[in-house]
PDB file of N, CA and C in Angstrom:
ATOM      1  N   UNK A   1     -30.037   8.669 -24.198  1.00  0.00           N
ATOM      2  CA  UNK A   1     -29.332   8.703 -22.934  1.00  0.00           C
ATOM      3  C   UNK A   1     -27.826   8.524 -23.141  1.00  0.00           C
ATOM      4  N   UNK A   2     -27.431   7.695 -24.096  1.00  0.00           N
ATOM      5  CA  UNK A   2     -26.022   7.442 -24.329  1.00  0.00           C
ATOM      6  C   UNK A   2     -25.523   8.109 -25.607  1.00  0.00           C
ATOM      7  N   UNK A   3     -26.220   9.143 -26.064  1.00  0.00           N
ATOM      8  CA  UNK A   3     -25.807   9.840 -27.273  1.00  0.00           C
ATOM      9  C   UNK A   3     -24.446  10.484 -27.053  1.00  0.00           C
ATOM     10  N   UNK A   4     -23.603  10.371 -28.044  1.00  0.00           N
ATOM     11  CA  UNK A   4     -22.277  10.984 -27.957  1.00  0.00           C
ATOM     12  C   UNK A   4     -21.280  10.191 -27.141  1.00  0.00           C
ATOM     13  N   UNK A   5     -21.682   9.062 -26.620  1.00  0.00           N
ATOM     14  CA  UNK A   5     -20.781   8.232 -25.827  1.00  0.00           C
ATOM     15  C   UNK A   5     -19.905   7.422 -26.776  1.00  0.00           C
ATOM     16  N   UNK A   6     -18.613   7.602 -26.654  1.00  0.00           N
ATOM     17  CA  UNK A   6     -17.663   6.912 -27.525  1.00  0.00           C
ATOM     18  C   UNK A   6     -17.163   5.657 -26.811  1.00  0.00           C
ATOM     19  N   UNK A   7     -17.716   4.502 -27.190  1.00  0.00           N
ATOM     20  CA  UNK A   7     -17.340   3.246 -26.531  1.00  0.00           C
ATOM     21  C   UNK A   7     -15.878   2.897 -26.781  1.00  0.00           C
ATOM     22  N   UNK A   8     -15.353   3.310 -27.911  1.00  0.00           N
ATOM     23  CA  UNK A   8     -13.932   3.074 -28.191  1.00  0.00           C
ATOM     24  C   UNK A   8     -13.050   3.774 -27.186  1.00  0.00           C
ATOM     25  N   UNK A   9     -13.409   5.016 -26.852  1.00  0.00           N
ATOM     26  CA  UNK A   9     -12.628   5.766 -25.857  1.00  0.00           C
ATOM     27  C   UNK A   9     -12.792   5.152 -24.471  1.00  0.00           C
ATOM     28  N   UNK A  10     -14.003   4.670 -24.178  1.00  0.00           N
ATOM     29  CA  UNK A  10     -14.236   4.028 -22.883  1.00  0.00           C
ATOM     30  C   UNK A  10     -13.391   2.761 -22.752  1.00  0.00           C
ATOM     31  N   UNK A  11     -13.328   1.978 -23.824  1.00  0.00           N
ATOM     32  CA  UNK A  11     -12.514   0.760 -23.820  1.00  0.00           C
ATOM     33  C   UNK A  11     -11.048   1.112 -23.648  1.00  0.00           C
ATOM     34  N   UNK A  12     -10.607   2.133 -24.362  1.00  0.00           N
ATOM     35  CA  UNK A  12      -9.213   2.565 -24.261  1.00  0.00           C
ATOM     36  C   UNK A  12      -8.906   3.043 -22.837  1.00  0.00           C
ATOM     37  N   UNK A  13      -9.834   3.773 -22.242  1.00  0.00           N
ATOM     38  CA  UNK A  13      -9.630   4.254 -20.879  1.00  0.00           C
ATOM     39  C   UNK A  13      -9.534   3.083 -19.902  1.00  0.00           C
ATOM     40  N   UNK A  14     -10.378   2.078 -20.057  1.00  0.00           N
ATOM     41  CA  UNK A  14     -10.343   0.911 -19.172  1.00  0.00           C
ATOM     42  C   UNK A  14      -9.022   0.167 -19.323  1.00  0.00           C
ATOM     43  N   UNK A  15      -8.523   0.078 -20.534  1.00  0.00           N
ATOM     44  CA  UNK A  15      -7.227  -0.564 -20.761  1.00  0.00           C
ATOM     45  C   UNK A  15      -6.121   0.218 -20.070  1.00  0.00           C
ATOM     46  N   UNK A  16      -6.217   1.544 -20.114  1.00  0.00           N
ATOM     47  CA  UNK A  16      -5.226   2.382 -19.431  1.00  0.00           C
ATOM     48  C   UNK A  16      -5.283   2.165 -17.923  1.00  0.00           C
ATOM     49  N   UNK A  17      -6.492   2.068 -17.384  1.00  0.00           N
ATOM     50  CA  UNK A  17      -6.663   1.834 -15.946  1.00  0.00           C
ATOM     51  C   UNK A  17      -6.049   0.497 -15.555  1.00  0.00           C
ATOM     52  N   UNK A  18      -6.311  -0.536 -16.326  1.00  0.00           N
ATOM     53  CA  UNK A  18      -5.766  -1.864 -16.028  1.00  0.00           C
ATOM     54  C   UNK A  18      -4.249  -1.862 -16.100  1.00  0.00           C
ATOM     55  N   UNK A  19      -3.689  -1.213 -17.116  1.00  0.00           N
ATOM     56  CA  UNK A  19      -2.231  -1.157 -17.261  1.00  0.00           C
ATOM     57  C   UNK A  19      -1.607  -0.393 -16.101  1.00  0.00           C
ATOM     58  N   UNK A  20      -2.222   0.720 -15.720  1.00  0.00           N
ATOM     59  CA  UNK A  20      -1.696   1.527 -14.619  1.00  0.00           C
ATOM     60  C   UNK A  20      -1.801   0.757 -13.305  1.00  0.00           C
ATOM     61  N   UNK A  21      -2.895   0.026 -13.102  1.00  0.00           N
ATOM     62  CA  UNK A  21      -3.062  -0.763 -11.876  1.00  0.00           C
ATOM     63  C   UNK A  21      -1.995  -1.839 -11.777  1.00  0.00           C
ATOM     64  N   UNK A  22      -1.702  -2.492 -12.896  1.00  0.00           N
ATOM     65  CA  UNK A  22      -0.672  -3.530 -12.902  1.00  0.00           C
ATOM     66  C   UNK A  22       0.701  -2.916 -12.614  1.00  0.00           C
ATOM     67  N   UNK A  23       0.959  -1.759 -13.195  1.00  0.00           N
ATOM     68  CA  UNK A  23       2.223  -1.062 -12.957  1.00  0.00           C
ATOM     69  C   UNK A  23       2.372  -0.686 -11.480  1.00  0.00           C
ATOM     70  N   UNK A  24       1.292  -0.168 -10.891  1.00  0.00           N
ATOM     71  CA  UNK A  24       1.328   0.197  -9.471  1.00  0.00           C
ATOM     72  C   UNK A  24       1.502  -1.019  -8.576  1.00  0.00           C
ATOM     73  N   UNK A  25       0.900  -2.128  -8.950  1.00  0.00           N
ATOM     74  CA  UNK A  25       1.037  -3.359  -8.171  1.00  0.00           C
ATOM     75  C   UNK A  25       2.495  -3.820  -8.152  1.00  0.00           C
ATOM     76  N   UNK A  26       3.143  -3.775  -9.306  1.00  0.00           N
ATOM     77  CA  UNK A  26       4.556  -4.166  -9.378  1.00  0.00           C
ATOM     78  C   UNK A  26       5.427  -3.194  -8.581  1.00  0.00           C
ATOM     79  N   UNK A  27       5.128  -1.904  -8.712  1.00  0.00           N
ATOM     80  CA  UNK A  27       5.895  -0.884  -7.998  1.00  0.00           C
ATOM     81  C   UNK A  27       5.720  -1.043  -6.489  1.00  0.00           C
ATOM     82  N   UNK A  28       4.511  -1.400  -6.066  1.00  0.00           N
ATOM     83  CA  UNK A  28       4.248  -1.504  -4.630  1.00  0.00           C
ATOM     84  C   UNK A  28       5.068  -2.605  -3.975  1.00  0.00           C
ATOM     85  N   UNK A  29       5.406  -3.636  -4.729  1.00  0.00           N
ATOM     86  CA  UNK A  29       6.213  -4.715  -4.151  1.00  0.00           C
ATOM     87  C   UNK A  29       7.624  -4.251  -3.816  1.00  0.00           C
ATOM     88  N   UNK A  30       8.098  -3.201  -4.478  1.00  0.00           N
ATOM     89  CA  UNK A  30       9.440  -2.696  -4.192  1.00  0.00           C
ATOM     90  C   UNK A  30       9.420  -1.558  -3.170  1.00  0.00           C
ATOM     91  N   UNK A  31       8.219  -1.111  -2.791  1.00  0.00           N
ATOM     92  CA  UNK A  31       8.083  -0.074  -1.773  1.00  0.00           C
ATOM     93  C   UNK A  31       8.118  -0.728  -0.399  1.00  0.00           C
ATOM     94  N   UNK A  32       9.001  -0.247   0.470  1.00  0.00           N
ATOM     95  CA  UNK A  32       9.104  -0.794   1.822  1.00  0.00           C
ATOM     96  C   UNK A  32       8.645   0.264   2.822  1.00  0.00           C
ATOM     97  N   UNK A  33       7.696  -0.135   3.671  1.00  0.00           N
ATOM     98  CA  UNK A  33       7.175   0.733   4.726  1.00  0.00           C
ATOM     99  C   UNK A  33       7.561   0.115   6.066  1.00  0.00           C
ATOM    100  N   UNK A  34       7.966   0.954   7.019  1.00  0.00           N
ATOM    101  CA  UNK A  34       8.422   0.456   8.313  1.00  0.00           C
ATOM    102  C   UNK A  34       7.685   1.168   9.437  1.00  0.00           C
ATOM    103  N   UNK A  35       7.324   0.394  10.459  1.00  0.00           N
ATOM    104  CA  UNK A  35       6.713   0.954  11.669  1.00  0.00           C
ATOM    105  C   UNK A  35       7.576   0.545  12.851  1.00  0.00           C
ATOM    106  N   UNK A  36       7.628   1.425  13.854  1.00  0.00           N
ATOM    107  CA  UNK A  36       8.407   1.154  15.066  1.00  0.00           C
ATOM    108  C   UNK A  36       7.481   1.163  16.263  1.00  0.00           C
ATOM    109  N   UNK A  37       7.751   0.275  17.206  1.00  0.00           N
ATOM    110  CA  UNK A  37       6.974   0.208  18.434  1.00  0.00           C
ATOM    111  C   UNK A  37       7.893   0.182  19.635  1.00  0.00           C
ATOM    112  N   UNK A  38       7.364   0.588  20.772  1.00  0.00           N
ATOM    113  CA  UNK A  38       8.164   0.562  21.999  1.00  0.00           C
ATOM    114  C   UNK A  38       9.397   1.430  21.921  1.00  0.00           C
ATOM    115  N   UNK A  39       9.257   2.598  21.320  1.00  0.00           N
ATOM    116  CA  UNK A  39      10.406   3.499  21.214  1.00  0.00           C
ATOM    117  C   UNK A  39      11.495   2.952  20.309  1.00  0.00           C
ATOM    118  N   UNK A  40      11.112   2.147  19.350  1.00  0.00           N
ATOM    119  CA  UNK A  40      12.087   1.588  18.412  1.00  0.00           C
ATOM    120  C   UNK A  40      12.606   0.224  18.813  1.00  0.00           C
ATOM    121  N   UNK A  41      12.061  -0.341  19.894  1.00  0.00           N
ATOM    122  CA  UNK A  41      12.516  -1.657  20.330  1.00  0.00           C
ATOM    123  C   UNK A  41      12.034  -2.762  19.390  1.00  0.00           C
ATOM    124  N   UNK A  42      10.941  -2.489  18.670  1.00  0.00           N
ATOM    125  CA  UNK A  42      10.422  -3.423  17.672  1.00  0.00           C
ATOM    126  C   UNK A  42      10.233  -2.644  16.378  1.00  0.00           C
ATOM    127  N   UNK A  43      10.759  -3.186  15.285  1.00  0.00           N
ATOM    128  CA  UNK A  43      10.557  -2.580  13.969  1.00  0.00           C
ATOM    129  C   UNK A  43      10.024  -3.650  13.032  1.00  0.00           C
ATOM    130  N   UNK A  44       8.960  -3.315  12.316  1.00  0.00           N
ATOM    131  CA  UNK A  44       8.359  -4.238  11.366  1.00  0.00           C
ATOM    132  C   UNK A  44       8.297  -3.536  10.014  1.00  0.00           C
ATOM    133  N   UNK A  45       8.794  -4.227   8.989  1.00  0.00           N
ATOM    134  CA  UNK A  45       8.763  -3.673   7.631  1.00  0.00           C
ATOM    135  C   UNK A  45       7.903  -4.554   6.749  1.00  0.00           C
ATOM    136  N   UNK A  46       7.136  -3.894   5.879  1.00  0.00           N
ATOM    137  CA  UNK A  46       6.278  -4.598   4.926  1.00  0.00           C
ATOM    138  C   UNK A  46       6.449  -3.934   3.574  1.00  0.00           C
ATOM    139  N   UNK A  47       6.249  -4.739   2.522  1.00  0.00           N
ATOM    140  CA  UNK A  47       6.268  -4.124   1.199  1.00  0.00           C
ATOM    141  C   UNK A  47       4.880  -3.562   0.914  1.00  0.00           C
ATOM    142  N   UNK A  48       4.767  -2.851  -0.194  1.00  0.00           N
ATOM    143  CA  UNK A  48       3.510  -2.203  -0.540  1.00  0.00           C
ATOM    144  C   UNK A  48       2.375  -3.162  -0.818  1.00  0.00           C
ATOM    145  N   UNK A  49       2.702  -4.445  -1.002  1.00  0.00           N
ATOM    146  CA  UNK A  49       1.669  -5.458  -1.227  1.00  0.00           C
ATOM    147  C   UNK A  49       1.147  -6.028   0.089  1.00  0.00           C
ATOM    148  N   UNK A  50       1.702  -5.567   1.212  1.00  0.00           N
ATOM    149  CA  UNK A  50       1.233  -6.016   2.517  1.00  0.00           C
ATOM    150  C   UNK A  50       1.940  -7.243   3.053  1.00  0.00           C
ATOM    151  N   UNK A  51       3.059  -7.613   2.440  1.00  0.00           N
ATOM    152  CA  UNK A  51       3.825  -8.767   2.914  1.00  0.00           C
ATOM    153  C   UNK A  51       4.882  -8.288   3.904  1.00  0.00           C
ATOM    154  N   UNK A  52       4.909  -8.910   5.084  1.00  0.00           N
ATOM    155  CA  UNK A  52       5.933  -8.578   6.077  1.00  0.00           C
ATOM    156  C   UNK A  52       7.268  -9.079   5.541  1.00  0.00           C
ATOM    157  N   UNK A  53       8.259  -8.171   5.454  1.00  0.00           N
ATOM    158  CA  UNK A  53       9.548  -8.544   4.876  1.00  0.00           C
ATOM    159  C   UNK A  53      10.680  -8.527   5.903  1.00  0.00           C
ATOM    160  N   UNK A  54      10.448  -7.901   7.078  1.00  0.00           N
ATOM    161  CA  UNK A  54      11.497  -7.870   8.085  1.00  0.00           C
ATOM    162  C   UNK A  54      10.898  -7.530   9.442  1.00  0.00           C
ATOM    163  N   UNK A  55      11.451  -8.155  10.473  1.00  0.00           N
ATOM    164  CA  UNK A  55      11.100  -7.828  11.856  1.00  0.00           C
ATOM    165  C   UNK A  55      12.402  -7.737  12.632  1.00  0.00           C
ATOM    166  N   UNK A  56      12.571  -6.629  13.353  1.00  0.00           N
ATOM    167  CA  UNK A  56      13.764  -6.431  14.175  1.00  0.00           C
ATOM    168  C   UNK A  56      13.310  -6.239  15.615  1.00  0.00           C
ATOM    169  N   UNK A  57      13.836  -7.064  16.518  1.00  0.00           N
ATOM    170  CA  UNK A  57      13.430  -7.025  17.924  1.00  0.00           C
ATOM    171  C   UNK A  57      14.653  -6.786  18.790  1.00  0.00           C
ATOM    172  N   UNK A  58      14.567  -5.798  19.666  1.00  0.00           N
ATOM    173  CA  UNK A  58      15.650  -5.507  20.600  1.00  0.00           C
ATOM    174  C   UNK A  58      15.826  -6.704  21.542  1.00  0.00           C
ATOM    175  N   UNK A  59      17.055  -7.064  21.792  1.00  0.00           N
ATOM    176  CA  UNK A  59      17.355  -8.229  22.639  1.00  0.00           C
ATOM    177  C   UNK A  59      16.728  -8.131  24.033  1.00  0.00           C
ATOM    178  N   UNK A  60      16.566  -6.928  24.549  1.00  0.00           N
ATOM    179  CA  UNK A  60      16.030  -6.771  25.913  1.00  0.00           C
ATOM    180  C   UNK A  60      14.589  -7.260  26.027  1.00  0.00           C
ATOM    181  N   UNK A  61      13.891  -7.384  24.908  1.00  0.00           N
ATOM    182  CA  UNK A  61      12.507  -7.860  24.950  1.00  0.00           C
ATOM    183  C   UNK A  61      12.393  -9.380  24.986  1.00  0.00           C
ATOM    184  N   UNK A  62      13.461 -10.064  24.774  1.00  0.00           N
ATOM    185  CA  UNK A  62      13.418 -11.525  24.691  1.00  0.00           C
ATOM    186  C   UNK A  62      13.031 -12.181  26.017  1.00  0.00           C
ATOM    187  N   UNK A  63      13.203 -11.466  27.112  1.00  0.00           N
ATOM    188  CA  UNK A  63      12.855 -12.028  28.415  1.00  0.00           C
ATOM    189  C   UNK A  63      11.429 -11.681  28.846  1.00  0.00           C
ATOM    190  N   UNK A  64      10.747 -10.844  28.073  1.00  0.00           N
ATOM    191  CA  UNK A  64       9.393 -10.417  28.431  1.00  0.00           C
ATOM    192  C   UNK A  64       8.444 -10.751  27.283  1.00  0.00           C
ATOM    193  N   UNK A  65       8.001 -12.003  27.267  1.00  0.00           N
ATOM    194  CA  UNK A  65       7.171 -12.501  26.172  1.00  0.00           C
ATOM    195  C   UNK A  65       5.900 -11.672  25.984  1.00  0.00           C
ATOM    196  N   UNK A  66       5.228 -11.331  27.069  1.00  0.00           N
ATOM    197  CA  UNK A  66       3.972 -10.593  26.966  1.00  0.00           C
ATOM    198  C   UNK A  66       4.183  -9.214  26.336  1.00  0.00           C
ATOM    199  N   UNK A  67       5.201  -8.493  26.784  1.00  0.00           N
ATOM    200  CA  UNK A  67       5.496  -7.167  26.213  1.00  0.00           C
ATOM    201  C   UNK A  67       5.860  -7.303  24.736  1.00  0.00           C
ATOM    202  N   UNK A  68       6.624  -8.330  24.407  1.00  0.00           N
ATOM    203  CA  UNK A  68       7.016  -8.568  23.021  1.00  0.00           C
ATOM    204  C   UNK A  68       5.798  -8.812  22.149  1.00  0.00           C
ATOM    205  N   UNK A  69       4.882  -9.636  22.626  1.00  0.00           N
ATOM    206  CA  UNK A  69       3.664  -9.928  21.864  1.00  0.00           C
ATOM    207  C   UNK A  69       2.841  -8.662  21.629  1.00  0.00           C
ATOM    208  N   UNK A  70       2.673  -7.863  22.669  1.00  0.00           N
ATOM    209  CA  UNK A  70       1.890  -6.635  22.554  1.00  0.00           C
ATOM    210  C   UNK A  70       2.537  -5.681  21.562  1.00  0.00           C
ATOM    211  N   UNK A  71       3.855  -5.517  21.673  1.00  0.00           N
ATOM    212  CA  UNK A  71       4.552  -4.615  20.759  1.00  0.00           C
ATOM    213  C   UNK A  71       4.514  -5.119  19.319  1.00  0.00           C
ATOM    214  N   UNK A  72       4.661  -6.421  19.132  1.00  0.00           N
ATOM    215  CA  UNK A  72       4.597  -6.974  17.776  1.00  0.00           C
ATOM    216  C   UNK A  72       3.218  -6.764  17.157  1.00  0.00           C
ATOM    217  N   UNK A  73       2.181  -7.050  17.906  1.00  0.00           N
ATOM    218  CA  UNK A  73       0.824  -6.895  17.375  1.00  0.00           C
ATOM    219  C   UNK A  73       0.565  -5.440  16.986  1.00  0.00           C
ATOM    220  N   UNK A  74       0.878  -4.519  17.879  1.00  0.00           N
ATOM    221  CA  UNK A  74       0.587  -3.107  17.587  1.00  0.00           C
ATOM    222  C   UNK A  74       1.449  -2.591  16.436  1.00  0.00           C
ATOM    223  N   UNK A  75       2.698  -3.022  16.361  1.00  0.00           N
ATOM    224  CA  UNK A  75       3.586  -2.552  15.306  1.00  0.00           C
ATOM    225  C   UNK A  75       3.207  -3.149  13.955  1.00  0.00           C
ATOM    226  N   UNK A  76       2.830  -4.413  13.944  1.00  0.00           N
ATOM    227  CA  UNK A  76       2.373  -5.039  12.689  1.00  0.00           C
ATOM    228  C   UNK A  76       1.097  -4.349  12.210  1.00  0.00           C
ATOM    229  N   UNK A  77       0.160  -4.087  13.123  1.00  0.00           N
ATOM    230  CA  UNK A  77      -1.066  -3.386  12.736  1.00  0.00           C
ATOM    231  C   UNK A  77      -0.755  -2.002  12.179  1.00  0.00           C
ATOM    232  N   UNK A  78       0.212  -1.327  12.783  1.00  0.00           N
ATOM    233  CA  UNK A  78       0.588   0.012  12.319  1.00  0.00           C
ATOM    234  C   UNK A  78       1.185  -0.027  10.907  1.00  0.00           C
ATOM    235  N   UNK A  79       2.070  -0.987  10.652  1.00  0.00           N
ATOM    236  CA  UNK A  79       2.683  -1.059   9.319  1.00  0.00           C
ATOM    237  C   UNK A  79       1.647  -1.471   8.275  1.00  0.00           C
ATOM    238  N   UNK A  80       0.711  -2.340   8.637  1.00  0.00           N
ATOM    239  CA  UNK A  80      -0.336  -2.732   7.682  1.00  0.00           C
ATOM    240  C   UNK A  80      -1.279  -1.570   7.383  1.00  0.00           C
ATOM    241  N   UNK A  81      -1.515  -0.708   8.362  1.00  0.00           N
ATOM    242  CA  UNK A  81      -2.312   0.500   8.117  1.00  0.00           C
ATOM    243  C   UNK A  81      -1.566   1.418   7.147  1.00  0.00           C
ATOM    244  N   UNK A  82      -0.256   1.517   7.312  1.00  0.00           N
ATOM    245  CA  UNK A  82       0.552   2.327   6.397  1.00  0.00           C
ATOM    246  C   UNK A  82       0.471   1.775   4.979  1.00  0.00           C
ATOM    247  N   UNK A  83       0.466   0.450   4.847  1.00  0.00           N
ATOM    248  CA  UNK A  83       0.352  -0.186   3.532  1.00  0.00           C
ATOM    249  C   UNK A  83      -0.985   0.204   2.890  1.00  0.00           C
ATOM    250  N   UNK A  84      -2.074   0.129   3.655  1.00  0.00           N
ATOM    251  CA  UNK A  84      -3.397   0.490   3.128  1.00  0.00           C
ATOM    252  C   UNK A  84      -3.454   1.956   2.733  1.00  0.00           C
ATOM    253  N   UNK A  85      -2.891   2.822   3.581  1.00  0.00           N
ATOM    254  CA  UNK A  85      -2.869   4.253   3.268  1.00  0.00           C
ATOM    255  C   UNK A  85      -2.069   4.507   1.987  1.00  0.00           C
ATOM    256  N   UNK A  86      -0.968   3.776   1.834  1.00  0.00           N
ATOM    257  CA  UNK A  86      -0.141   3.916   0.633  1.00  0.00           C
ATOM    258  C   UNK A  86      -0.914   3.470  -0.608  1.00  0.00           C
ATOM    259  N   UNK A  87      -1.646   2.368  -0.485  1.00  0.00           N
ATOM    260  CA  UNK A  87      -2.452   1.883  -1.615  1.00  0.00           C
ATOM    261  C   UNK A  87      -3.510   2.908  -2.008  1.00  0.00           C
ATOM    262  N   UNK A  88      -4.175   3.485  -1.016  1.00  0.00           N
ATOM    263  CA  UNK A  88      -5.205   4.491  -1.290  1.00  0.00           C
ATOM    264  C   UNK A  88      -4.587   5.705  -1.971  1.00  0.00           C
ATOM    265  N   UNK A  89      -3.438   6.119  -1.490  1.00  0.00           N
ATOM    266  CA  UNK A  89      -2.759   7.269  -2.075  1.00  0.00           C
ATOM    267  C   UNK A  89      -2.377   7.006  -3.527  1.00  0.00           C
ATOM    268  N   UNK A  90      -1.855   5.816  -3.795  1.00  0.00           N
ATOM    269  CA  UNK A  90      -1.482   5.462  -5.163  1.00  0.00           C
ATOM    270  C   UNK A  90      -2.713   5.393  -6.060  1.00  0.00           C
ATOM    271  N   UNK A  91      -3.805   4.859  -5.550  1.00  0.00           N
ATOM    272  CA  UNK A  91      -5.027   4.758  -6.344  1.00  0.00           C
ATOM    273  C   UNK A  91      -5.554   6.150  -6.682  1.00  0.00           C
ATOM    274  N   UNK A  92      -5.497   7.048  -5.714  1.00  0.00           N
ATOM    275  CA  UNK A  92      -5.973   8.410  -5.962  1.00  0.00           C
ATOM    276  C   UNK A  92      -5.094   9.111  -6.994  1.00  0.00           C
ATOM    277  N   UNK A  93      -3.791   8.918  -6.913  1.00  0.00           N
ATOM    278  CA  UNK A  93      -2.904   9.557  -7.890  1.00  0.00           C
ATOM    279  C   UNK A  93      -3.102   8.949  -9.272  1.00  0.00           C
ATOM    280  N   UNK A  94      -3.370   7.641  -9.321  1.00  0.00           N
ATOM    281  CA  UNK A  94      -3.620   6.994 -10.606  1.00  0.00           C
ATOM    282  C   UNK A  94      -4.889   7.556 -11.235  1.00  0.00           C
ATOM    283  N   UNK A  95      -5.931   7.699 -10.461  1.00  0.00           N
ATOM    284  CA  UNK A  95      -7.197   8.197 -10.989  1.00  0.00           C
ATOM    285  C   UNK A  95      -7.085   9.665 -11.383  1.00  0.00           C
ATOM    286  N   UNK A  96      -6.210  10.389 -10.717  1.00  0.00           N
ATOM    287  CA  UNK A  96      -6.014  11.795 -11.048  1.00  0.00           C
ATOM    288  C   UNK A  96      -5.412  11.973 -12.437  1.00  0.00           C
ATOM    289  N   UNK A  97      -4.699  10.971 -12.921  1.00  0.00           N
ATOM    290  CA  UNK A  97      -4.078  11.063 -14.229  1.00  0.00           C
ATOM    291  C   UNK A  97      -4.971  10.634 -15.375  1.00  0.00           C
ATOM    292  N   UNK A  98      -6.158  10.159 -15.061  1.00  0.00           N
ATOM    293  CA  UNK A  98      -7.078   9.693 -16.108  1.00  0.00           C
ATOM    294  C   UNK A  98      -8.232  10.674 -16.242  1.00  0.00           C
ATOM    295  N   UNK A  99      -8.627  10.907 -17.454  1.00  0.00           N
ATOM    296  CA  UNK A  99      -9.751  11.799 -17.694  1.00  0.00           C
ATOM    297  C   UNK A  99     -10.844  11.001 -18.401  1.00  0.00           C
ATOM    298  N   UNK A 100     -11.903  10.624 -17.697  1.00  0.00           N
ATOM    299  CA  UNK A 100     -12.939   9.775 -18.291  1.00  0.00           C
ATOM    300  C   UNK A 100     -13.752  10.465 -19.375  1.00  0.00           C
ATOM    301  N   UNK A 101     -13.612  11.776 -19.516  1.00  0.00           N
ATOM    302  CA  UNK A 101     -14.424  12.497 -20.478  1.00  0.00           C
ATOM    303  C   UNK A 101     -13.666  12.830 -21.768  1.00  0.00           C
ATOM    304  N   UNK A 102     -12.373  12.506 -21.808  1.00  0.00           N
ATOM    305  CA  UNK A 102     -11.591  12.676 -23.025  1.00  0.00           C
ATOM    306  C   UNK A 102     -11.303  14.122 -23.378  1.00  0.00           C
ATOM    307  N   UNK A 103     -11.588  15.069 -22.487  1.00  0.00           N
ATOM    308  CA  UNK A 103     -11.282  16.473 -22.739  1.00  0.00           C
ATOM    309  C   UNK A 103      -9.995  16.850 -22.044  1.00  0.00           C
ATOM    310  N   UNK A 104      -9.369  17.890 -22.538  1.00  0.00           N
ATOM    311  CA  UNK A 104      -8.102  18.316 -21.929  1.00  0.00           C
ATOM    312  C   UNK A 104      -8.222  19.682 -21.324  1.00  0.00           C
TER     313      UNK A 104
END
Protein backbone atom coordinates (compact mmCIF):
# COMPACT_ATOMS: atom_id res chain seq x y z
CA UNK A 1 0.00 0.00 0.00
CA UNK A 2 2.85 2.40 0.78
CA UNK A 3 5.27 1.14 -1.87
CA UNK A 4 7.28 3.92 -3.44
CA UNK A 5 6.38 6.36 -0.69
CA UNK A 6 9.43 8.46 0.14
CA UNK A 7 9.14 9.40 3.82
CA UNK A 8 12.13 11.71 3.49
CA UNK A 9 10.29 13.76 0.88
CA UNK A 10 7.16 13.76 3.03
CA UNK A 11 9.15 15.06 6.01
CA UNK A 12 10.77 17.71 3.83
CA UNK A 13 7.37 18.75 2.49
CA UNK A 14 5.95 19.07 6.02
CA UNK A 15 8.91 21.23 7.02
CA UNK A 16 8.24 23.44 4.00
CA UNK A 17 4.58 23.75 5.00
CA UNK A 18 5.50 24.72 8.56
CA UNK A 19 8.06 27.29 7.38
CA UNK A 20 5.61 28.79 4.89
CA UNK A 21 2.86 28.93 7.54
CA UNK A 22 5.16 30.76 9.94
CA UNK A 23 6.17 33.18 7.18
CA UNK A 24 2.52 33.87 6.33
CA UNK A 25 1.68 34.40 9.99
CA UNK A 26 4.40 37.04 10.31
CA UNK A 27 3.35 38.67 7.04
CA UNK A 28 -0.30 38.74 8.12
CA UNK A 29 0.54 40.89 11.13
CA UNK A 30 1.74 43.64 8.78
CA UNK A 31 -1.33 43.36 6.54
CA UNK A 32 -4.00 45.92 7.45
CA UNK A 33 -7.62 45.41 6.39
CA UNK A 34 -10.23 48.15 6.84
CA UNK A 35 -14.03 48.10 6.82
CA UNK A 36 -16.33 51.12 6.73
CA UNK A 37 -19.84 51.40 8.11
CA UNK A 38 -22.54 54.04 7.94
CA UNK A 39 -21.22 55.52 4.73
CA UNK A 40 -17.75 55.88 6.20
CA UNK A 41 -18.87 57.30 9.53
CA UNK A 42 -17.20 54.34 11.28
CA UNK A 43 -13.95 52.76 10.11
CA UNK A 44 -12.39 49.73 11.76
CA UNK A 45 -8.96 48.38 10.84
CA UNK A 46 -7.53 45.01 11.79
CA UNK A 47 -4.27 43.30 11.00
CA UNK A 48 -4.17 39.95 9.24
CA UNK A 49 -3.96 38.19 12.60
CA UNK A 50 -7.42 39.51 13.52
CA UNK A 51 -6.29 42.15 16.00
CA UNK A 52 -8.21 45.44 15.86
CA UNK A 53 -5.56 48.13 15.34
CA UNK A 54 -7.64 51.26 14.75
CA UNK A 55 -11.18 52.60 15.07
CA UNK A 56 -12.25 55.93 13.60
CA UNK A 57 -15.66 57.35 14.55
CA UNK A 58 -17.25 60.44 13.04
CA UNK A 59 -17.98 63.03 15.73
CA UNK A 60 -21.66 63.23 14.71
CA UNK A 61 -22.21 59.72 16.08
CA UNK A 62 -21.13 60.62 19.59
CA UNK A 63 -24.62 61.81 20.47
CA UNK A 64 -26.36 58.64 19.24
CA UNK A 65 -25.06 55.76 21.35
CA UNK A 66 -27.41 53.16 19.86
CA UNK A 67 -26.50 53.98 16.24
CA UNK A 68 -22.81 53.99 17.20
CA UNK A 69 -23.09 50.56 18.80
CA UNK A 70 -24.89 49.10 15.79
CA UNK A 71 -22.37 50.56 13.35
CA UNK A 72 -19.41 49.39 15.42
CA UNK A 73 -20.71 45.84 15.71
CA UNK A 74 -21.48 45.51 12.00
CA UNK A 75 -18.20 47.13 10.94
CA UNK A 76 -16.09 45.02 13.31
CA UNK A 77 -17.85 41.88 12.04
CA UNK A 78 -17.17 42.98 8.46
CA UNK A 79 -13.45 43.56 9.04
CA UNK A 80 -13.11 40.23 10.88
CA UNK A 81 -14.77 38.48 7.92
CA UNK A 82 -12.21 40.16 5.66
CA UNK A 83 -9.43 38.84 7.93
CA UNK A 84 -10.80 35.28 7.62
CA UNK A 85 -11.16 35.60 3.85
CA UNK A 86 -7.58 36.87 3.67
CA UNK A 87 -6.34 33.92 5.73
CA UNK A 88 -8.16 31.46 3.47
CA UNK A 89 -6.73 33.13 0.39
CA UNK A 90 -3.20 32.99 1.78
CA UNK A 91 -3.62 29.34 2.75
CA UNK A 92 -4.82 28.46 -0.73
CA UNK A 93 -1.90 30.27 -2.36
CA UNK A 94 0.52 28.56 0.02
CA UNK A 95 -0.86 25.13 -0.82
CA UNK A 96 -0.74 25.95 -4.52
CA UNK A 97 3.04 26.30 -4.27
CA UNK A 98 3.56 22.86 -2.76
CA UNK A 99 3.54 19.64 -4.70
CA UNK A 100 2.92 16.65 -2.40
CA UNK A 101 3.88 14.19 -5.13
CA UNK A 102 7.37 15.57 -5.83
CA UNK A 103 6.78 15.75 -9.60
CA UNK A 104 7.22 18.85 -11.69
